[in-house]
């Protein structure tokens, strides 16, 4: 009886560990499509416009080049 319980517990743990991880949530694009920042990111660079550099220093995205979507 003890071996059966151990086998059952091992089987449950095996199947629980075999489940794939949940897919990560889709992240909204950081930059507006076609903006200078978007083009630089696609090239693998950082945008070097003064307004974009200033916004990046404070951890934001330039509102002048990447206008927020109006609802």
Protein backbone atom coordinates (compact mmCIF):
# COMPACT_ATOMS: atom_id res chain seq x y z
CA UNK A 1 0.00 0.00 0.00
CA UNK A 2 2.85 2.35 0.80
CA UNK A 3 4.46 1.76 -2.61
CA UNK A 4 1.17 2.48 -4.35
CA UNK A 5 0.85 5.85 -2.57
CA UNK A 6 4.44 6.71 -3.46
CA UNK A 7 3.86 5.74 -7.09
CA UNK A 8 0.66 7.78 -7.24
CA UNK A 9 2.35 10.84 -5.72
CA UNK A 10 5.29 10.53 -8.13
CA UNK A 11 2.93 10.26 -11.11
CA UNK A 12 0.97 13.34 -10.07
CA UNK A 13 4.16 15.37 -9.65
CA UNK A 14 5.48 14.16 -12.99
CA UNK A 15 2.36 15.29 -14.84
CA UNK A 16 2.22 18.59 -12.95
CA UNK A 17 5.84 19.36 -13.86
CA UNK A 18 5.26 18.39 -17.50
CA UNK A 19 2.70 21.15 -18.16
CA UNK A 20 4.06 23.96 -20.36
CA UNK A 21 4.39 27.38 -18.82
CA UNK A 22 1.68 29.89 -19.57
CA UNK A 23 2.37 32.09 -22.57
CA UNK A 24 3.54 35.58 -21.58
CA UNK A 25 1.05 38.39 -22.01
CA UNK A 26 1.36 40.30 -25.25
CA UNK A 27 3.28 43.51 -24.63
CA UNK A 28 2.09 46.68 -26.31
CA UNK A 29 4.68 48.22 -28.63
CA UNK A 30 6.78 50.81 -26.85
CA UNK A 31 7.11 53.11 -29.84
CA UNK A 32 4.68 54.32 -32.46
CA UNK A 33 5.10 52.45 -35.76
CA UNK A 34 7.35 54.37 -38.15
CA UNK A 35 8.69 56.84 -35.58
CA UNK A 36 12.38 57.63 -35.32
CA UNK A 37 12.62 55.57 -32.12
CA UNK A 38 10.91 52.60 -33.79
CA UNK A 39 13.28 52.72 -36.76
CA UNK A 40 16.33 52.97 -34.49
CA UNK A 41 15.15 50.03 -32.38
CA UNK A 42 14.63 47.91 -35.49
CA UNK A 43 18.22 48.71 -36.54
CA UNK A 44 19.42 47.74 -33.07
CA UNK A 45 20.35 51.30 -32.07
CA UNK A 46 18.97 53.93 -29.73
CA UNK A 47 17.42 57.06 -31.16
CA UNK A 48 19.75 60.04 -30.81
CA UNK A 49 17.29 62.90 -31.29
CA UNK A 50 17.75 65.32 -28.35
CA UNK A 51 14.10 65.04 -27.31
CA UNK A 52 14.23 61.23 -27.35
CA UNK A 53 17.51 61.11 -25.41
CA UNK A 54 16.07 63.45 -22.76
CA UNK A 55 12.92 61.30 -22.40
CA UNK A 56 14.96 58.08 -22.23
CA UNK A 57 17.04 59.47 -19.35
CA UNK A 58 13.91 59.67 -17.19
CA UNK A 59 12.63 56.27 -18.39
CA UNK A 60 9.94 57.57 -20.72
CA UNK A 61 9.21 57.72 -24.44
CA UNK A 62 9.33 61.02 -26.31
CA UNK A 63 5.76 62.32 -26.73
CA UNK A 64 6.81 64.55 -29.62
CA UNK A 65 8.04 61.71 -31.83
CA UNK A 66 5.72 59.01 -30.42
CA UNK A 67 2.38 60.75 -30.02
CA UNK A 68 0.09 58.97 -27.56
CA UNK A 69 -2.95 57.27 -29.07
CA UNK A 70 -6.05 59.41 -28.63
CA UNK A 71 -9.14 57.49 -27.52
